[in-house]
Each structure stands twice: as C-alpha cells, then as structure tokens.
Amino acid sequence: ELLLNGNEFDLILSDVEMPHVDGWEFLEYVKSDANFGHVPVVMIT
C-alpha cells in the first residue's frame, strides 16, 4: 500500500513470515513491477 501510494525507498528490509502478504509474496510482487523492481530488497528472517 505504501509503494502503490507513491512512496519511494532506497532499500526495503522485509521479514519473511508475516500475515496477509508474506515476505516471499511481497518480494515477488515488487521485483515483477516496472515501478518498483529496481528497489533493493533484503530479506531478514
């Protein structure tokens, strides 16, 4: 929601095991999106 509302980040640190949208689903979405795919994502688990 933050990303889709236009927030921009230089780095994303994401947990893996979370409710609603887990870290793997989040990572897949971000990296497949033309607007966000360039943002580095680090998984922390």
PDB file of all heavy atoms in Angstrom:
ATOM      1  N   GLU A   1       0.833  -1.204   0.000  1.00  0.00           N
ATOM      2  CA  GLU A   1       0.000   0.000   0.000  1.00  0.00           C
ATOM      3  C   GLU A   1       0.870   1.257   0.000  1.00  0.00           C
ATOM      4  O   GLU A   1       0.593   2.216  -0.727  1.00  0.00           O
ATOM      5  CB  GLU A   1      -0.925  -0.018   1.220  1.00  0.00           C
ATOM      6  CG  GLU A   1      -1.981   1.064   1.190  1.00  0.00           C
ATOM      7  CD  GLU A   1      -2.952   0.942   2.353  1.00  0.00           C
ATOM      8  OE1 GLU A   1      -3.352  -0.192   2.688  1.00  0.00           O
ATOM      9  OE2 GLU A   1      -3.301   1.996   2.906  1.00  0.00           O
ATOM     10  N   LEU A   2       1.935   1.251   0.799  1.00  0.00           N
ATOM     11  CA  LEU A   2       2.857   2.397   0.821  1.00  0.00           C
ATOM     12  C   LEU A   2       3.468   2.625  -0.561  1.00  0.00           C
ATOM     13  O   LEU A   2       3.544   3.760  -1.037  1.00  0.00           O
ATOM     14  CB  LEU A   2       3.965   2.168   1.853  1.00  0.00           C
ATOM     15  CG  LEU A   2       3.571   2.282   3.314  1.00  0.00           C
ATOM     16  CD1 LEU A   2       4.679   1.737   4.214  1.00  0.00           C
ATOM     17  CD2 LEU A   2       3.251   3.732   3.666  1.00  0.00           C
ATOM     18  N   LEU A   3       3.913   1.547  -1.203  1.00  0.00           N
ATOM     19  CA  LEU A   3       4.519   1.666  -2.530  1.00  0.00           C
ATOM     20  C   LEU A   3       3.504   2.145  -3.562  1.00  0.00           C
ATOM     21  O   LEU A   3       3.794   3.024  -4.370  1.00  0.00           O
ATOM     22  CB  LEU A   3       5.121   0.329  -2.962  1.00  0.00           C
ATOM     23  CG  LEU A   3       6.362  -0.118  -2.198  1.00  0.00           C
ATOM     24  CD1 LEU A   3       6.697  -1.560  -2.535  1.00  0.00           C
ATOM     25  CD2 LEU A   3       7.542   0.792  -2.495  1.00  0.00           C
ATOM     26  N   LEU A   4       2.320   1.572  -3.524  1.00  0.00           N
ATOM     27  CA  LEU A   4       1.287   1.931  -4.504  1.00  0.00           C
ATOM     28  C   LEU A   4       0.773   3.352  -4.314  1.00  0.00           C
ATOM     29  O   LEU A   4       0.241   3.947  -5.254  1.00  0.00           O
ATOM     30  CB  LEU A   4       0.130   0.927  -4.444  1.00  0.00           C
ATOM     31  CG  LEU A   4       0.509  -0.487  -4.903  1.00  0.00           C
ATOM     32  CD1 LEU A   4      -0.609  -1.471  -4.585  1.00  0.00           C
ATOM     33  CD2 LEU A   4       0.855  -0.508  -6.383  1.00  0.00           C
ATOM     34  N   ASN A   5       0.963   3.909  -3.110  1.00  0.00           N
ATOM     35  CA  ASN A   5       0.580   5.303  -2.846  1.00  0.00           C
ATOM     36  C   ASN A   5       1.690   6.284  -3.204  1.00  0.00           C
ATOM     37  O   ASN A   5       1.601   7.463  -2.877  1.00  0.00           O
ATOM     38  CB  ASN A   5       0.160   5.478  -1.389  1.00  0.00           C
ATOM     39  CG  ASN A   5      -1.215   4.913  -1.131  1.00  0.00           C
ATOM     40  OD1 ASN A   5      -2.066   4.881  -2.016  1.00  0.00           O
ATOM     41  ND2 ASN A   5      -1.453   4.448   0.084  1.00  0.00           N
ATOM     42  N   GLY A   6       2.740   5.808  -3.856  1.00  0.00           N
ATOM     43  CA  GLY A   6       3.773   6.703  -4.367  1.00  0.00           C
ATOM     44  C   GLY A   6       4.984   6.898  -3.490  1.00  0.00           C
ATOM     45  O   GLY A   6       5.870   7.687  -3.834  1.00  0.00           O
ATOM     46  N   ASN A   7       5.069   6.211  -2.361  1.00  0.00           N
ATOM     47  CA  ASN A   7       6.256   6.327  -1.513  1.00  0.00           C
ATOM     48  C   ASN A   7       7.431   5.658  -2.212  1.00  0.00           C
ATOM     49  O   ASN A   7       7.281   4.589  -2.803  1.00  0.00           O
ATOM     50  CB  ASN A   7       6.010   5.657  -0.162  1.00  0.00           C
ATOM     51  CG  ASN A   7       4.988   6.400   0.661  1.00  0.00           C
ATOM     52  OD1 ASN A   7       5.310   7.421   1.247  1.00  0.00           O
ATOM     53  ND2 ASN A   7       3.765   5.910   0.679  1.00  0.00           N
ATOM     54  N   GLU A   8       8.592   6.288  -2.133  1.00  0.00           N
ATOM     55  CA  GLU A   8       9.795   5.746  -2.758  1.00  0.00           C
ATOM     56  C   GLU A   8      10.844   5.467  -1.689  1.00  0.00           C
ATOM     57  O   GLU A   8      11.008   6.239  -0.756  1.00  0.00           O
ATOM     58  CB  GLU A   8      10.350   6.731  -3.788  1.00  0.00           C
ATOM     59  CG  GLU A   8       9.398   6.930  -4.952  1.00  0.00           C
ATOM     60  CD  GLU A   8       9.960   7.848  -6.010  1.00  0.00           C
ATOM     61  OE1 GLU A   8      11.191   8.104  -6.005  1.00  0.00           O
ATOM     62  OE2 GLU A   8       9.175   8.320  -6.834  1.00  0.00           O
ATOM     63  N   PHE A   9      11.535   4.337  -1.860  1.00  0.00           N
ATOM     64  CA  PHE A   9      12.527   3.910  -0.883  1.00  0.00           C
ATOM     65  C   PHE A   9      13.815   3.530  -1.587  1.00  0.00           C
ATOM     66  O   PHE A   9      13.793   3.035  -2.709  1.00  0.00           O
ATOM     67  CB  PHE A   9      11.999   2.711  -0.080  1.00  0.00           C
ATOM     68  CG  PHE A   9      10.717   3.024   0.637  1.00  0.00           C
ATOM     69  CD1 PHE A   9       9.496   2.628   0.107  1.00  0.00           C
ATOM     70  CD2 PHE A   9      10.727   3.751   1.813  1.00  0.00           C
ATOM     71  CE1 PHE A   9       8.309   2.934   0.745  1.00  0.00           C
ATOM     72  CE2 PHE A   9       9.537   4.066   2.456  1.00  0.00           C
ATOM     73  CZ  PHE A   9       8.334   3.657   1.929  1.00  0.00           C
ATOM     74  N   ASP A  10      14.931   3.757  -0.889  1.00  0.00           N
ATOM     75  CA  ASP A  10      16.237   3.355  -1.417  1.00  0.00           C
ATOM     76  C   ASP A  10      16.549   1.905  -1.095  1.00  0.00           C
ATOM     77  O   ASP A  10      17.380   1.289  -1.761  1.00  0.00           O
ATOM     78  CB  ASP A  10      17.346   4.248  -0.848  1.00  0.00           C
ATOM     79  CG  ASP A  10      17.239   5.672  -1.376  1.00  0.00           C
ATOM     80  OD1 ASP A  10      16.966   5.831  -2.582  1.00  0.00           O
ATOM     81  OD2 ASP A  10      17.411   6.614  -0.586  1.00  0.00           O
ATOM     82  N   LEU A  11      15.893   1.375  -0.063  1.00  0.00           N
ATOM     83  CA  LEU A  11      16.113  -0.005   0.344  1.00  0.00           C
ATOM     84  C   LEU A  11      14.900  -0.481   1.128  1.00  0.00           C
ATOM     85  O   LEU A  11      14.302   0.300   1.876  1.00  0.00           O
ATOM     86  CB  LEU A  11      17.360  -0.120   1.237  1.00  0.00           C
ATOM     87  CG  LEU A  11      17.726  -1.511   1.728  1.00  0.00           C
ATOM     88  CD1 LEU A  11      18.233  -2.395   0.580  1.00  0.00           C
ATOM     89  CD2 LEU A  11      18.774  -1.441   2.822  1.00  0.00           C
ATOM     90  N   ILE A  12      14.561  -1.756   0.937  1.00  0.00           N
ATOM     91  CA  ILE A  12      13.467  -2.374   1.689  1.00  0.00           C
ATOM     92  C   ILE A  12      14.035  -3.559   2.465  1.00  0.00           C
ATOM     93  O   ILE A  12      14.722  -4.402   1.894  1.00  0.00           O
ATOM     94  CB  ILE A  12      12.345  -2.854   0.746  1.00  0.00           C
ATOM     95  CG1 ILE A  12      11.757  -1.661  -0.029  1.00  0.00           C
ATOM     96  CG2 ILE A  12      11.269  -3.600   1.531  1.00  0.00           C
ATOM     97  CD1 ILE A  12      10.792  -2.056  -1.134  1.00  0.00           C
ATOM     98  N   LEU A  13      13.758  -3.579   3.772  1.00  0.00           N
ATOM     99  CA  LEU A  13      14.139  -4.693   4.636  1.00  0.00           C
ATOM    100  C   LEU A  13      12.850  -5.403   5.011  1.00  0.00           C
ATOM    101  O   LEU A  13      11.979  -4.812   5.654  1.00  0.00           O
ATOM    102  CB  LEU A  13      14.833  -4.188   5.904  1.00  0.00           C
ATOM    103  CG  LEU A  13      16.038  -3.282   5.703  1.00  0.00           C
ATOM    104  CD1 LEU A  13      16.540  -2.770   7.048  1.00  0.00           C
ATOM    105  CD2 LEU A  13      17.138  -4.014   4.978  1.00  0.00           C
ATOM    106  N   SER A  14      12.708  -6.663   4.603  1.00  0.00           N
ATOM    107  CA  SER A  14      11.448  -7.365   4.814  1.00  0.00           C
ATOM    108  C   SER A  14      11.621  -8.678   5.557  1.00  0.00           C
ATOM    109  O   SER A  14      12.483  -9.493   5.221  1.00  0.00           O
ATOM    110  CB  SER A  14      10.781  -7.655   3.464  1.00  0.00           C
ATOM    111  OG  SER A  14       9.582  -8.383   3.637  1.00  0.00           O
ATOM    112  N   ASP A  15      10.747  -8.881   6.536  1.00  0.00           N
ATOM    113  CA  ASP A  15      10.618 -10.176   7.195  1.00  0.00           C
ATOM    114  C   ASP A  15      10.055 -11.159   6.171  1.00  0.00           C
ATOM    115  O   ASP A  15       9.499 -10.758   5.145  1.00  0.00           O
ATOM    116  CB  ASP A  15       9.663 -10.029   8.382  1.00  0.00           C
ATOM    117  CG  ASP A  15       9.541 -11.278   9.229  1.00  0.00           C
ATOM    118  OD1 ASP A  15      10.421 -12.156   9.154  1.00  0.00           O
ATOM    119  OD2 ASP A  15       8.554 -11.380   9.976  1.00  0.00           O
ATOM    120  N   VAL A  16      10.174 -12.444   6.429  1.00  0.00           N
ATOM    121  CA  VAL A  16       9.619 -13.459   5.539  1.00  0.00           C
ATOM    122  C   VAL A  16       8.256 -13.925   6.033  1.00  0.00           C
ATOM    123  O   VAL A  16       7.268 -13.883   5.307  1.00  0.00           O
ATOM    124  CB  VAL A  16      10.584 -14.660   5.391  1.00  0.00           C
ATOM    125  CG1 VAL A  16       9.913 -15.808   4.672  1.00  0.00           C
ATOM    126  CG2 VAL A  16      11.839 -14.229   4.642  1.00  0.00           C
ATOM    127  N   GLU A  17       8.188 -14.350   7.283  1.00  0.00           N
ATOM    128  CA  GLU A  17       6.957 -14.931   7.811  1.00  0.00           C
ATOM    129  C   GLU A  17       6.085 -13.833   8.432  1.00  0.00           C
ATOM    130  O   GLU A  17       6.358 -13.367   9.534  1.00  0.00           O
ATOM    131  CB  GLU A  17       7.289 -15.997   8.846  1.00  0.00           C
ATOM    132  CG  GLU A  17       8.052 -17.165   8.247  1.00  0.00           C
ATOM    133  CD  GLU A  17       8.410 -18.205   9.268  1.00  0.00           C
ATOM    134  OE1 GLU A  17       9.052 -17.852  10.271  1.00  0.00           O
ATOM    135  OE2 GLU A  17       8.041 -19.370   9.055  1.00  0.00           O
ATOM    136  N   MET A  18       5.038 -13.445   7.684  1.00  0.00           N
ATOM    137  CA  MET A  18       4.111 -12.404   8.122  1.00  0.00           C
ATOM    138  C   MET A  18       2.702 -12.770   7.663  1.00  0.00           C
ATOM    139  O   MET A  18       2.538 -13.465   6.663  1.00  0.00           O
ATOM    140  CB  MET A  18       4.477 -11.048   7.510  1.00  0.00           C
ATOM    141  CG  MET A  18       5.840 -10.532   7.833  1.00  0.00           C
ATOM    142  SD  MET A  18       6.188  -8.946   7.025  1.00  0.00           S
ATOM    143  CE  MET A  18       6.399  -9.438   5.316  1.00  0.00           C
ATOM    144  N   PRO A  19       1.688 -12.244   8.352  1.00  0.00           N
ATOM    145  CA  PRO A  19       0.308 -12.481   7.907  1.00  0.00           C
ATOM    146  C   PRO A  19      -0.042 -11.609   6.697  1.00  0.00           C
ATOM    147  O   PRO A  19       0.680 -10.673   6.369  1.00  0.00           O
ATOM    148  CB  PRO A  19      -0.517 -12.071   9.123  1.00  0.00           C
ATOM    149  CG  PRO A  19       0.330 -11.058   9.834  1.00  0.00           C
ATOM    150  CD  PRO A  19       1.760 -11.483   9.592  1.00  0.00           C
ATOM    151  N   HIS A  20      -1.150 -11.927   6.066  1.00  0.00           N
ATOM    152  CA  HIS A  20      -1.728 -11.202   4.933  1.00  0.00           C
ATOM    153  C   HIS A  20      -0.905 -11.385   3.663  1.00  0.00           C
ATOM    154  O   HIS A  20      -1.274 -12.162   2.813  1.00  0.00           O
ATOM    155  CB  HIS A  20      -1.985  -9.731   5.250  1.00  0.00           C
ATOM    156  CG  HIS A  20      -2.777  -9.528   6.502  1.00  0.00           C
ATOM    157  ND1 HIS A  20      -4.070  -9.959   6.643  1.00  0.00           N
ATOM    158  CD2 HIS A  20      -2.449  -8.984   7.690  1.00  0.00           C
ATOM    159  CE1 HIS A  20      -4.504  -9.685   7.849  1.00  0.00           C
ATOM    160  NE2 HIS A  20      -3.533  -9.086   8.519  1.00  0.00           N
ATOM    161  N   VAL A  21       0.168 -10.679   3.523  1.00  0.00           N
ATOM    162  CA  VAL A  21       1.098 -10.870   2.397  1.00  0.00           C
ATOM    163  C   VAL A  21       2.455 -11.148   3.028  1.00  0.00           C
ATOM    164  O   VAL A  21       3.015 -10.284   3.703  1.00  0.00           O
ATOM    165  CB  VAL A  21       1.152  -9.621   1.494  1.00  0.00           C
ATOM    166  CG1 VAL A  21       2.225  -9.772   0.430  1.00  0.00           C
ATOM    167  CG2 VAL A  21      -0.205  -9.352   0.850  1.00  0.00           C
ATOM    168  N   ASP A  22       2.968 -12.378   2.833  1.00  0.00           N
ATOM    169  CA  ASP A  22       4.252 -12.700   3.458  1.00  0.00           C
ATOM    170  C   ASP A  22       5.406 -12.104   2.651  1.00  0.00           C
ATOM    171  O   ASP A  22       5.210 -11.514   1.586  1.00  0.00           O
ATOM    172  CB  ASP A  22       4.410 -14.201   3.688  1.00  0.00           C
ATOM    173  CG  ASP A  22       4.596 -15.022   2.414  1.00  0.00           C
ATOM    174  OD1 ASP A  22       5.042 -14.491   1.384  1.00  0.00           O
ATOM    175  OD2 ASP A  22       4.299 -16.230   2.463  1.00  0.00           O
ATOM    176  N   GLY A  23       6.605 -12.255   3.186  1.00  0.00           N
ATOM    177  CA  GLY A  23       7.778 -11.655   2.550  1.00  0.00           C
ATOM    178  C   GLY A  23       8.059 -12.167   1.154  1.00  0.00           C
ATOM    179  O   GLY A  23       8.477 -11.407   0.280  1.00  0.00           O
ATOM    180  N   TRP A  24       7.833 -13.471   0.927  1.00  0.00           N
ATOM    181  CA  TRP A  24       8.077 -14.024  -0.409  1.00  0.00           C
ATOM    182  C   TRP A  24       7.102 -13.441  -1.420  1.00  0.00           C
ATOM    183  O   TRP A  24       7.504 -13.050  -2.520  1.00  0.00           O
ATOM    184  CB  TRP A  24       7.956 -15.548  -0.405  1.00  0.00           C
ATOM    185  CG  TRP A  24       8.868 -16.264   0.529  1.00  0.00           C
ATOM    186  CD1 TRP A  24       8.512 -17.175   1.480  1.00  0.00           C
ATOM    187  CD2 TRP A  24      10.296 -16.170   0.623  1.00  0.00           C
ATOM    188  NE1 TRP A  24       9.610 -17.634   2.149  1.00  0.00           N
ATOM    189  CE2 TRP A  24      10.726 -17.041   1.643  1.00  0.00           C
ATOM    190  CE3 TRP A  24      11.256 -15.420  -0.050  1.00  0.00           C
ATOM    191  CZ2 TRP A  24      12.064 -17.194   2.002  1.00  0.00           C
ATOM    192  CZ3 TRP A  24      12.594 -15.568   0.307  1.00  0.00           C
ATOM    193  CH2 TRP A  24      12.980 -16.443   1.306  1.00  0.00           C
ATOM    194  N   GLU A  25       5.823 -13.347  -1.053  1.00  0.00           N
ATOM    195  CA  GLU A  25       4.812 -12.768  -1.955  1.00  0.00           C
ATOM    196  C   GLU A  25       5.123 -11.298  -2.219  1.00  0.00           C
ATOM    197  O   GLU A  25       5.025 -10.828  -3.357  1.00  0.00           O
ATOM    198  CB  GLU A  25       3.414 -12.901  -1.337  1.00  0.00           C
ATOM    199  CG  GLU A  25       2.945 -14.326  -1.196  1.00  0.00           C
ATOM    200  CD  GLU A  25       1.728 -14.448  -0.296  1.00  0.00           C
ATOM    201  OE1 GLU A  25       1.646 -13.743   0.736  1.00  0.00           O
ATOM    202  OE2 GLU A  25       0.864 -15.278  -0.630  1.00  0.00           O
ATOM    203  N   PHE A  26       5.504 -10.586  -1.171  1.00  0.00           N
ATOM    204  CA  PHE A  26       5.863  -9.180  -1.316  1.00  0.00           C
ATOM    205  C   PHE A  26       7.041  -9.024  -2.270  1.00  0.00           C
ATOM    206  O   PHE A  26       7.014  -8.207  -3.192  1.00  0.00           O
ATOM    207  CB  PHE A  26       6.203  -8.581   0.058  1.00  0.00           C
ATOM    208  CG  PHE A  26       6.723  -7.182  -0.022  1.00  0.00           C
ATOM    209  CD1 PHE A  26       5.861  -6.108  -0.190  1.00  0.00           C
ATOM    210  CD2 PHE A  26       8.084  -6.925   0.050  1.00  0.00           C
ATOM    211  CE1 PHE A  26       6.348  -4.812  -0.293  1.00  0.00           C
ATOM    212  CE2 PHE A  26       8.577  -5.641  -0.047  1.00  0.00           C
ATOM    213  CZ  PHE A  26       7.700  -4.581  -0.221  1.00  0.00           C
ATOM    214  N   LEU A  27       8.077  -9.815  -2.058  1.00  0.00           N
ATOM    215  CA  LEU A  27       9.276  -9.753  -2.895  1.00  0.00           C
ATOM    216  C   LEU A  27       8.937 -10.039  -4.352  1.00  0.00           C
ATOM    217  O   LEU A  27       9.383  -9.316  -5.245  1.00  0.00           O
ATOM    218  CB  LEU A  27      10.320 -10.738  -2.382  1.00  0.00           C
ATOM    219  CG  LEU A  27      11.618 -10.854  -3.173  1.00  0.00           C
ATOM    220  CD1 LEU A  27      12.361  -9.524  -3.209  1.00  0.00           C
ATOM    221  CD2 LEU A  27      12.492 -11.949  -2.569  1.00  0.00           C
ATOM    222  N   GLU A  28       8.148 -11.074  -4.597  1.00  0.00           N
ATOM    223  CA  GLU A  28       7.752 -11.414  -5.967  1.00  0.00           C
ATOM    224  C   GLU A  28       7.026 -10.256  -6.638  1.00  0.00           C
ATOM    225  O   GLU A  28       7.298  -9.925  -7.782  1.00  0.00           O
ATOM    226  CB  GLU A  28       6.833 -12.644  -5.976  1.00  0.00           C
ATOM    227  CG  GLU A  28       7.565 -13.941  -6.138  1.00  0.00           C
ATOM    228  CD  GLU A  28       6.611 -15.089  -6.353  1.00  0.00           C
ATOM    229  OE1 GLU A  28       5.830 -15.390  -5.432  1.00  0.00           O
ATOM    230  OE2 GLU A  28       6.652 -15.678  -7.452  1.00  0.00           O
ATOM    231  N   TYR A  29       6.100  -9.630  -5.906  1.00  0.00           N
ATOM    232  CA  TYR A  29       5.340  -8.521  -6.471  1.00  0.00           C
ATOM    233  C   TYR A  29       6.265  -7.346  -6.801  1.00  0.00           C
ATOM    234  O   TYR A  29       6.222  -6.805  -7.903  1.00  0.00           O
ATOM    235  CB  TYR A  29       4.230  -8.057  -5.520  1.00  0.00           C
ATOM    236  CG  TYR A  29       3.408  -6.952  -6.121  1.00  0.00           C
ATOM    237  CD1 TYR A  29       2.292  -7.237  -6.881  1.00  0.00           C
ATOM    238  CD2 TYR A  29       3.783  -5.616  -5.978  1.00  0.00           C
ATOM    239  CE1 TYR A  29       1.553  -6.228  -7.474  1.00  0.00           C
ATOM    240  CE2 TYR A  29       3.058  -4.600  -6.565  1.00  0.00           C
ATOM    241  CZ  TYR A  29       1.944  -4.908  -7.311  1.00  0.00           C
ATOM    242  OH  TYR A  29       1.219  -3.902  -7.912  1.00  0.00           O
ATOM    243  N   VAL A  30       7.078  -6.960  -5.828  1.00  0.00           N
ATOM    244  CA  VAL A  30       7.957  -5.799  -6.020  1.00  0.00           C
ATOM    245  C   VAL A  30       8.891  -6.012  -7.205  1.00  0.00           C
ATOM    246  O   VAL A  30       9.039  -5.143  -8.065  1.00  0.00           O
ATOM    247  CB  VAL A  30       8.754  -5.491  -4.734  1.00  0.00           C
ATOM    248  CG1 VAL A  30       9.863  -4.488  -4.998  1.00  0.00           C
ATOM    249  CG2 VAL A  30       7.824  -4.972  -3.657  1.00  0.00           C
ATOM    250  N   LYS A  31       9.525  -7.157  -7.266  1.00  0.00           N
ATOM    251  CA  LYS A  31      10.517  -7.400  -8.320  1.00  0.00           C
ATOM    252  C   LYS A  31       9.895  -7.594  -9.696  1.00  0.00           C
ATOM    253  O   LYS A  31      10.582  -7.460 -10.701  1.00  0.00           O
ATOM    254  CB  LYS A  31      11.394  -8.605  -7.947  1.00  0.00           C
ATOM    255  CG  LYS A  31      12.337  -8.296  -6.795  1.00  0.00           C
ATOM    256  CD  LYS A  31      13.252  -7.126  -7.138  1.00  0.00           C
ATOM    257  CE  LYS A  31      14.238  -6.797  -6.067  1.00  0.00           C
ATOM    258  NZ  LYS A  31      15.177  -5.748  -6.463  1.00  0.00           N
ATOM    259  N   SER A  32       8.590  -7.878  -9.762  1.00  0.00           N
ATOM    260  CA  SER A  32       7.940  -8.034 -11.057  1.00  0.00           C
ATOM    261  C   SER A  32       7.263  -6.753 -11.524  1.00  0.00           C
ATOM    262  O   SER A  32       6.744  -6.700 -12.635  1.00  0.00           O
ATOM    263  CB  SER A  32       6.908  -9.173 -11.002  1.00  0.00           C
ATOM    264  OG  SER A  32       5.843  -8.809 -10.136  1.00  0.00           O
ATOM    265  N   ASP A  33       7.288  -5.716 -10.712  1.00  0.00           N
ATOM    266  CA  ASP A  33       6.625  -4.465 -11.044  1.00  0.00           C
ATOM    267  C   ASP A  33       7.614  -3.483 -11.689  1.00  0.00           C
ATOM    268  O   ASP A  33       8.707  -3.274 -11.175  1.00  0.00           O
ATOM    269  CB  ASP A  33       6.029  -3.839  -9.781  1.00  0.00           C
ATOM    270  CG  ASP A  33       5.171  -2.633 -10.084  1.00  0.00           C
ATOM    271  OD1 ASP A  33       5.754  -1.527 -10.230  1.00  0.00           O
ATOM    272  OD2 ASP A  33       3.945  -2.785 -10.189  1.00  0.00           O
ATOM    273  N   ALA A  34       7.206  -2.887 -12.788  1.00  0.00           N
ATOM    274  CA  ALA A  34       8.081  -1.955 -13.517  1.00  0.00           C
ATOM    275  C   ALA A  34       8.450  -0.730 -12.682  1.00  0.00           C
ATOM    276  O   ALA A  34       9.529  -0.163 -12.852  1.00  0.00           O
ATOM    277  CB  ALA A  34       7.406  -1.523 -14.815  1.00  0.00           C
ATOM    278  N   ASN A  35       7.591  -0.315 -11.770  1.00  0.00           N
ATOM    279  CA  ASN A  35       7.852   0.876 -10.961  1.00  0.00           C
ATOM    280  C   ASN A  35       8.772   0.614  -9.777  1.00  0.00           C
ATOM    281  O   ASN A  35       9.464   1.511  -9.320  1.00  0.00           O
ATOM    282  CB  ASN A  35       6.541   1.464 -10.438  1.00  0.00           C
ATOM    283  CG  ASN A  35       5.670   1.956 -11.564  1.00  0.00           C
ATOM    284  OD1 ASN A  35       6.120   2.671 -12.450  1.00  0.00           O
ATOM    285  ND2 ASN A  35       4.411   1.540 -11.557  1.00  0.00           N
ATOM    286  N   PHE A  36       8.749  -0.604  -9.240  1.00  0.00           N
ATOM    287  CA  PHE A  36       9.479  -0.897  -8.008  1.00  0.00           C
ATOM    288  C   PHE A  36      10.609  -1.895  -8.171  1.00  0.00           C
ATOM    289  O   PHE A  36      11.394  -2.094  -7.245  1.00  0.00           O
ATOM    290  CB  PHE A  36       8.531  -1.471  -6.938  1.00  0.00           C
ATOM    291  CG  PHE A  36       7.214  -0.778  -6.847  1.00  0.00           C
ATOM    292  CD1 PHE A  36       6.033  -1.499  -6.974  1.00  0.00           C
ATOM    293  CD2 PHE A  36       7.124   0.580  -6.649  1.00  0.00           C
ATOM    294  CE1 PHE A  36       4.807  -0.881  -6.891  1.00  0.00           C
ATOM    295  CE2 PHE A  36       5.902   1.221  -6.567  1.00  0.00           C
ATOM    296  CZ  PHE A  36       4.738   0.490  -6.687  1.00  0.00           C
ATOM    297  N   GLY A  37      10.690  -2.557  -9.298  1.00  0.00           N
ATOM    298  CA  GLY A  37      11.641  -3.653  -9.486  1.00  0.00           C
ATOM    299  C   GLY A  37      13.091  -3.289  -9.243  1.00  0.00           C
ATOM    300  O   GLY A  37      13.904  -4.145  -8.927  1.00  0.00           O
ATOM    301  N   HIS A  38      13.428  -2.019  -9.379  1.00  0.00           N
ATOM    302  CA  HIS A  38      14.814  -1.570  -9.188  1.00  0.00           C
ATOM    303  C   HIS A  38      15.201  -1.397  -7.719  1.00  0.00           C
ATOM    304  O   HIS A  38      16.377  -1.291  -7.388  1.00  0.00           O
ATOM    305  CB  HIS A  38      15.024  -0.234  -9.911  1.00  0.00           C
ATOM    306  CG  HIS A  38      14.257   0.886  -9.265  1.00  0.00           C
ATOM    307  ND1 HIS A  38      12.907   1.062  -9.456  1.00  0.00           N
ATOM    308  CD2 HIS A  38      14.654   1.863  -8.424  1.00  0.00           C
ATOM    309  CE1 HIS A  38      12.496   2.109  -8.756  1.00  0.00           C
ATOM    310  NE2 HIS A  38      13.542   2.620  -8.112  1.00  0.00           N
ATOM    311  N   VAL A  39      14.212  -1.369  -6.821  1.00  0.00           N
ATOM    312  CA  VAL A  39      14.497  -1.124  -5.406  1.00  0.00           C
ATOM    313  C   VAL A  39      15.094  -2.381  -4.780  1.00  0.00           C
ATOM    314  O   VAL A  39      14.516  -3.454  -4.861  1.00  0.00           O
ATOM    315  CB  VAL A  39      13.208  -0.730  -4.644  1.00  0.00           C
ATOM    316  CG1 VAL A  39      13.508  -0.497  -3.164  1.00  0.00           C
ATOM    317  CG2 VAL A  39      12.571   0.508  -5.267  1.00  0.00           C
ATOM    318  N   PRO A  40      16.256  -2.261  -4.140  1.00  0.00           N
ATOM    319  CA  PRO A  40      16.856  -3.422  -3.486  1.00  0.00           C
ATOM    320  C   PRO A  40      15.998  -3.880  -2.303  1.00  0.00           C
ATOM    321  O   PRO A  40      15.548  -3.058  -1.503  1.00  0.00           O
ATOM    322  CB  PRO A  40      18.214  -2.933  -3.000  1.00  0.00           C
ATOM    323  CG  PRO A  40      18.392  -1.555  -3.517  1.00  0.00           C
ATOM    324  CD  PRO A  40      17.088  -1.069  -4.041  1.00  0.00           C
ATOM    325  N   VAL A  41      15.777  -5.184  -2.231  1.00  0.00           N
ATOM    326  CA  VAL A  41      15.020  -5.776  -1.126  1.00  0.00           C
ATOM    327  C   VAL A  41      15.923  -6.793  -0.435  1.00  0.00           C
ATOM    328  O   VAL A  41      16.474  -7.676  -1.082  1.00  0.00           O
ATOM    329  CB  VAL A  41      13.735  -6.474  -1.627  1.00  0.00           C
ATOM    330  CG1 VAL A  41      12.976  -7.092  -0.462  1.00  0.00           C
ATOM    331  CG2 VAL A  41      12.845  -5.500  -2.402  1.00  0.00           C
ATOM    332  N   VAL A  42      16.043  -6.644   0.874  1.00  0.00           N
ATOM    333  CA  VAL A  42      16.812  -7.585   1.685  1.00  0.00           C
ATOM    334  C   VAL A  42      15.830  -8.305   2.595  1.00  0.00           C
ATOM    335  O   VAL A  42      15.046  -7.664   3.304  1.00  0.00           O
ATOM    336  CB  VAL A  42      17.889  -6.860   2.519  1.00  0.00           C
ATOM    337  CG1 VAL A  42      18.590  -7.821   3.467  1.00  0.00           C
ATOM    338  CG2 VAL A  42      18.886  -6.175   1.598  1.00  0.00           C
ATOM    339  N   MET A  43      15.868  -9.620   2.545  1.00  0.00           N
ATOM    340  CA  MET A  43      15.006 -10.425   3.391  1.00  0.00           C
ATOM    341  C   MET A  43      15.721 -10.664   4.722  1.00  0.00           C
ATOM    342  O   MET A  43      16.910 -10.988   4.739  1.00  0.00           O
ATOM    343  CB  MET A  43      14.690 -11.766   2.714  1.00  0.00           C
ATOM    344  CG  MET A  43      14.112 -11.631   1.307  1.00  0.00           C
ATOM    345  SD  MET A  43      12.672 -10.567   1.173  1.00  0.00           S
ATOM    346  CE  MET A  43      11.428 -11.583   1.948  1.00  0.00           C
ATOM    347  N   ILE A  44      14.975 -10.480   5.819  1.00  0.00           N
ATOM    348  CA  ILE A  44      15.529 -10.678   7.151  1.00  0.00           C
ATOM    349  C   ILE A  44      14.647 -11.703   7.849  1.00  0.00           C
ATOM    350  O   ILE A  44      13.446 -11.489   8.005  1.00  0.00           O
ATOM    351  CB  ILE A  44      15.567  -9.364   7.946  1.00  0.00           C
ATOM    352  CG1 ILE A  44      16.386  -8.332   7.176  1.00  0.00           C
ATOM    353  CG2 ILE A  44      16.144  -9.595   9.332  1.00  0.00           C
ATOM    354  CD1 ILE A  44      16.342  -6.958   7.761  1.00  0.00           C
ATOM    355  N   THR A  45      15.246 -12.837   8.258  1.00  0.00           N
ATOM    356  CA  THR A  45      14.438 -13.938   8.748  1.00  0.00           C
ATOM    357  C   THR A  45      15.220 -14.828   9.705  1.00  0.00           C
ATOM    358  O   THR A  45      16.440 -14.763   9.759  1.00  0.00           O
ATOM    359  CB  THR A  45      13.933 -14.776   7.544  1.00  0.00           C
ATOM    360  OG1 THR A  45      13.113 -15.831   8.005  1.00  0.00           O
ATOM    361  CG2 THR A  45      15.082 -15.327   6.743  1.00  0.00           C
TER     362      THR A  45
END
